[in-house]
Protein backbone atom coordinates (compact mmCIF):
# COMPACT_ATOMS: atom_id res chain seq x y z
CA MET A 1 -0.19 -0.17 -0.26
CA LEU A 2 2.60 2.44 0.62
CA LEU A 3 4.33 1.40 -2.50
CA ASP A 4 0.87 3.17 -4.49
CA SER A 5 1.29 6.03 -2.67
CA THR A 6 4.37 6.77 -3.76
CA ILE A 7 3.94 5.58 -7.32
CA SER A 8 0.50 7.64 -7.19
CA SER A 9 2.62 11.16 -5.62
CA ARG A 10 5.29 10.87 -8.32
CA ASN A 11 3.60 13.42 -10.21
CA ARG A 12 3.02 15.47 -6.93
CA PRO A 13 5.51 17.66 -6.52
CA ASP A 14 3.82 19.69 -3.70
CA ILE A 15 3.97 16.18 -1.74
CA ASN A 16 7.19 15.96 -2.46
CA LEU A 17 8.42 19.49 -1.62
CA GLU A 18 6.34 19.56 1.50
CA PHE A 19 8.52 16.27 2.18
CA CYS A 20 11.73 17.89 1.56
CA VAL A 21 10.84 20.95 3.80
CA ARG A 22 10.00 18.42 6.61
CA ASN A 23 13.02 16.54 6.41
CA ALA A 24 14.78 20.06 6.49
CA LEU A 25 13.33 21.14 9.07
CA ALA A 26 13.82 18.23 10.88
CA THR A 27 17.04 17.48 10.02
CA GLY A 28 18.51 21.49 10.29
CA GLU A 29 20.36 20.71 6.96
CA LEU A 30 19.71 20.99 3.70
CA SER A 31 21.23 17.98 1.26
CA PRO A 32 22.50 19.31 -2.47
CA ALA A 33 20.08 16.50 -3.99
CA THR A 34 17.09 18.59 -2.06
CA SER A 35 18.17 21.58 -2.83
CA ALA A 36 18.49 20.78 -6.82
CA TYR A 37 15.03 19.85 -6.90
CA VAL A 38 13.96 22.69 -4.51
CA ARG A 39 15.23 24.88 -7.24
CA GLN A 40 13.68 22.55 -9.99
CA VAL A 41 10.07 23.63 -8.38
CA ARG A 42 11.24 27.38 -7.69
CA ASP A 43 11.88 27.59 -11.63
CA MET A 44 8.10 25.87 -12.28
CA SER A 45 5.96 28.01 -13.50
CA ASN A 46 2.90 27.23 -12.43
CA LEU A 47 3.65 27.32 -8.81
CA THR A 48 0.60 26.72 -6.41
CA ARG A 49 -0.09 28.75 -3.26
CA ARG A 50 1.07 25.93 -1.30
CA ASP A 51 3.98 25.48 -3.13
CA ARG A 52 4.83 28.61 -2.49
CA THR A 53 4.41 29.18 0.54
CA LEU A 54 6.48 25.57 1.12
CA LEU A 55 9.40 27.49 -0.43
CA ALA A 56 8.66 30.92 1.52
CA ILE A 57 9.11 28.93 5.00
CA LEU A 58 12.49 26.96 3.88
CA GLN A 59 13.51 29.56 2.32
CA ASP A 60 13.09 31.82 6.10
CA ALA A 61 14.22 28.86 8.47
CA ILE A 62 18.00 29.46 5.55
CA GLN A 63 18.41 32.68 6.63
CA GLU A 64 17.56 32.08 9.96
CA GLY A 65 19.72 29.68 10.07
CA CYS A 66 17.62 26.47 11.14
CA VAL A 67 18.29 24.60 8.33
CA GLN A 68 21.98 24.53 6.92
CA PRO A 69 22.55 24.16 3.48
CA ILE A 70 25.54 21.01 3.12
CA GLU A 71 28.06 21.48 0.24
CA PRO A 72 29.14 18.33 -1.65
CA GLN A 73 31.66 16.52 -1.39
CA SER A 74 34.85 16.65 -3.43
CA SER A 75 35.33 13.15 -4.57
CA THR A 76 39.08 13.39 -4.34
CA GLN A 77 38.52 13.75 -0.63
CA SER A 78 39.14 11.02 1.50
CA ALA A 79 37.72 9.55 4.29
CA VAL A 80 38.85 9.72 7.85
């Protein structure tokens, strides 16, 4: 059943965006992949009011320091 809801939500950017925003707020981090997805959603021309609200919440959290964007690690760095 969970798989069905995952499959049906793939075409719903608002559900994925909400998950990304909630996850960033819960962890205090914004991964490079999530950041790329957020940029992709932000560039869409048909944003709903809900999408714009979620993006504003995330932007405010980043500006306030509650969420820190994580920089991608270079492949030349070795794990310590």
